[in-house]
Amino acid sequence: MLDEKRIYTLRNGDSQVIITIHPCNTIEVDIPEQHRHLVGELEKVHFKLNDLGVLLVCNEKGCSQIEDVSLQLSRRDTFDLYAVVSEVIEEYERLMSDL
């Protein structure tokens, strides 16, 4: 299993977000133009659609490094990100069940 890395252009057009999903079930969100770098456990993070784009939300206590982050992604990028996250979670679950 390898890291899954995606670079998306935010809908405002002048910023990019780099999202890396690690096989150890963690996610990194890096927004260089805003000097933000967030890390969290994938199972504690979920995505919500809102008027501006995608809201990355930590849904459990103890997510000190992930706060609610609004990512203004296109609909296509949002679906791509969702598919990548789903694949990594499925691979992780298969690996854990094989052990």
C-alpha atoms as a PDB file:
ATOM      1  CA  MET A   1       0.000   0.000   0.000  1.00  0.00           C
ATOM      2  CA  LEU A   2       1.276   3.426  -0.959  1.00  0.00           C
ATOM      3  CA  ASP A   3       0.319   6.956  -0.002  1.00  0.00           C
ATOM      4  CA  GLU A   4      -2.431   8.448  -2.137  1.00  0.00           C
ATOM      5  CA  LYS A   5      -1.657  12.082  -2.898  1.00  0.00           C
ATOM      6  CA  ARG A   6      -3.922  14.517  -4.679  1.00  0.00           C
ATOM      7  CA  ILE A   7      -3.446  18.174  -5.555  1.00  0.00           C
ATOM      8  CA  TYR A   8      -6.613  20.147  -6.155  1.00  0.00           C
ATOM      9  CA  THR A   9      -7.136  23.753  -7.182  1.00  0.00           C
ATOM     10  CA  LEU A  10      -9.576  25.489  -4.891  1.00  0.00           C
ATOM     11  CA  ARG A  11     -12.567  27.112  -6.525  1.00  0.00           C
ATOM     12  CA  ASN A  12     -11.267  30.598  -5.752  1.00  0.00           C
ATOM     13  CA  GLY A  13      -8.622  29.768  -8.383  1.00  0.00           C
ATOM     14  CA  ASP A  14      -5.536  31.078  -6.649  1.00  0.00           C
ATOM     15  CA  SER A  15      -4.881  28.413  -4.019  1.00  0.00           C
ATOM     16  CA  GLN A  16      -4.146  24.727  -4.066  1.00  0.00           C
ATOM     17  CA  VAL A  17      -4.682  22.054  -1.452  1.00  0.00           C
ATOM     18  CA  ILE A  18      -2.478  18.975  -1.205  1.00  0.00           C
ATOM     19  CA  ILE A  19      -4.202  16.007   0.392  1.00  0.00           C
ATOM     20  CA  THR A  20      -2.226  12.904   1.276  1.00  0.00           C
ATOM     21  CA  ILE A  21      -3.940   9.779   2.533  1.00  0.00           C
ATOM     22  CA  HIS A  22      -1.582   7.337   4.194  1.00  0.00           C
ATOM     23  CA  PRO A  23      -2.120   3.564   4.343  1.00  0.00           C
ATOM     24  CA  CYS A  24      -1.785   3.768   8.131  1.00  0.00           C
ATOM     25  CA  ASN A  25      -5.230   5.415   8.020  1.00  0.00           C
ATOM     26  CA  THR A  26      -4.175   9.044   8.430  1.00  0.00           C
ATOM     27  CA  ILE A  27      -4.880  12.087   6.299  1.00  0.00           C
ATOM     28  CA  GLU A  28      -2.796  15.219   5.780  1.00  0.00           C
ATOM     29  CA  VAL A  29      -4.249  18.436   4.420  1.00  0.00           C
ATOM     30  CA  ASP A  30      -1.748  21.053   3.319  1.00  0.00           C
ATOM     31  CA  ILE A  31      -2.788  24.499   2.097  1.00  0.00           C
ATOM     32  CA  PRO A  32       0.544  26.229   1.383  1.00  0.00           C
ATOM     33  CA  GLU A  33      -0.898  29.667   0.547  1.00  0.00           C
ATOM     34  CA  GLN A  34      -2.635  29.756   3.951  1.00  0.00           C
ATOM     35  CA  HIS A  35       0.327  28.205   5.788  1.00  0.00           C
ATOM     36  CA  ARG A  36      -1.920  25.421   7.094  1.00  0.00           C
ATOM     37  CA  HIS A  37      -0.910  21.812   7.563  1.00  0.00           C
ATOM     38  CA  LEU A  38      -3.349  19.492   9.315  1.00  0.00           C
ATOM     39  CA  VAL A  39      -3.011  15.810  10.206  1.00  0.00           C
ATOM     40  CA  GLY A  40      -5.640  13.449  11.585  1.00  0.00           C
ATOM     41  CA  GLU A  41      -6.815   9.876  11.749  1.00  0.00           C
ATOM     42  CA  LEU A  42      -8.951   9.052   8.751  1.00  0.00           C
ATOM     43  CA  GLU A  43     -11.606   7.264  10.804  1.00  0.00           C
ATOM     44  CA  LYS A  44     -12.149  10.403  12.917  1.00  0.00           C
ATOM     45  CA  VAL A  45     -12.611  12.681   9.921  1.00  0.00           C
ATOM     46  CA  HIS A  46     -15.577  12.998   7.608  1.00  0.00           C
ATOM     47  CA  PHE A  47     -16.642  15.261   4.801  1.00  0.00           C
ATOM     48  CA  LYS A  48     -19.762  17.394   4.506  1.00  0.00           C
ATOM     49  CA  LEU A  49     -20.952  19.268   1.462  1.00  0.00           C
ATOM     50  CA  ASN A  50     -21.943  22.873   2.065  1.00  0.00           C
ATOM     51  CA  ASP A  51     -22.675  25.916  -0.095  1.00  0.00           C
ATOM     52  CA  LEU A  52     -18.998  26.778  -0.482  1.00  0.00           C
ATOM     53  CA  GLY A  53     -17.601  23.318  -1.108  1.00  0.00           C
ATOM     54  CA  VAL A  54     -16.454  20.524   1.167  1.00  0.00           C
ATOM     55  CA  LEU A  55     -16.134  20.863   4.915  1.00  0.00           C
ATOM     56  CA  LEU A  56     -13.586  18.530   6.463  1.00  0.00           C
ATOM     57  CA  VAL A  57     -14.848  17.767   9.974  1.00  0.00           C
ATOM     58  CA  CYS A  58     -13.302  15.900  12.881  1.00  0.00           C
ATOM     59  CA  ASN A  59     -16.139  14.025  14.550  1.00  0.00           C
ATOM     60  CA  GLU A  60     -14.491  12.847  17.766  1.00  0.00           C
ATOM     61  CA  LYS A  61     -12.746  14.385  20.732  1.00  0.00           C
ATOM     62  CA  GLY A  62      -8.990  14.244  20.630  1.00  0.00           C
ATOM     63  CA  CYS A  63      -8.590  15.543  17.086  1.00  0.00           C
ATOM     64  CA  SER A  64      -6.390  18.376  18.200  1.00  0.00           C
ATOM     65  CA  GLN A  65      -4.625  18.701  14.861  1.00  0.00           C
ATOM     66  CA  ILE A  66      -7.714  18.657  12.665  1.00  0.00           C
ATOM     67  CA  GLU A  67     -10.218  21.417  12.942  1.00  0.00           C
ATOM     68  CA  ASP A  68     -13.142  22.118  10.665  1.00  0.00           C
ATOM     69  CA  VAL A  69     -11.600  23.088   7.338  1.00  0.00           C
ATOM     70  CA  SER A  70     -13.600  24.370   4.418  1.00  0.00           C
ATOM     71  CA  LEU A  71     -12.204  23.239   1.076  1.00  0.00           C
ATOM     72  CA  GLN A  72     -13.817  24.863  -1.920  1.00  0.00           C
ATOM     73  CA  LEU A  73     -13.348  21.969  -4.346  1.00  0.00           C
ATOM     74  CA  SER A  74     -15.118  21.382  -7.621  1.00  0.00           C
ATOM     75  CA  ARG A  75     -17.747  18.655  -7.645  1.00  0.00           C
ATOM     76  CA  ARG A  76     -15.454  16.422  -9.739  1.00  0.00           C
ATOM     77  CA  ASP A  77     -12.557  16.856  -7.288  1.00  0.00           C
ATOM     78  CA  THR A  78     -14.870  16.169  -4.365  1.00  0.00           C
ATOM     79  CA  PHE A  79     -15.988  12.860  -5.865  1.00  0.00           C
ATOM     80  CA  ASP A  80     -12.377  11.952  -6.666  1.00  0.00           C
ATOM     81  CA  LEU A  81     -11.323  12.659  -3.081  1.00  0.00           C
ATOM     82  CA  TYR A  82     -14.225  10.615  -1.732  1.00  0.00           C
ATOM     83  CA  ALA A  83     -13.290   7.671  -3.972  1.00  0.00           C
ATOM     84  CA  VAL A  84      -9.645   7.787  -2.867  1.00  0.00           C
ATOM     85  CA  VAL A  85     -10.593   7.921   0.816  1.00  0.00           C
ATOM     86  CA  SER A  86     -13.001   5.006   0.359  1.00  0.00           C
ATOM     87  CA  GLU A  87     -10.344   2.905  -1.387  1.00  0.00           C
ATOM     88  CA  VAL A  88      -7.762   3.528   1.335  1.00  0.00           C
ATOM     89  CA  ILE A  89     -10.255   2.663   4.082  1.00  0.00           C
ATOM     90  CA  GLU A  90     -11.226  -0.567   2.295  1.00  0.00           C
ATOM     91  CA  GLU A  91      -7.558  -1.543   1.809  1.00  0.00           C
ATOM     92  CA  TYR A  92      -6.824  -0.812   5.452  1.00  0.00           C
ATOM     93  CA  GLU A  93      -9.782  -2.910   6.603  1.00  0.00           C
ATOM     94  CA  ARG A  94      -8.719  -5.816   4.356  1.00  0.00           C
ATOM     95  CA  LEU A  95      -5.180  -5.628   5.699  1.00  0.00           C
ATOM     96  CA  MET A  96      -6.362  -5.607   9.305  1.00  0.00           C
ATOM     97  CA  SER A  97      -8.711  -8.529   8.737  1.00  0.00           C
ATOM     98  CA  ASP A  98      -5.896 -10.530   7.079  1.00  0.00           C
ATOM     99  CA  LEU A  99      -3.714 -10.040  10.119  1.00  0.00           C
END
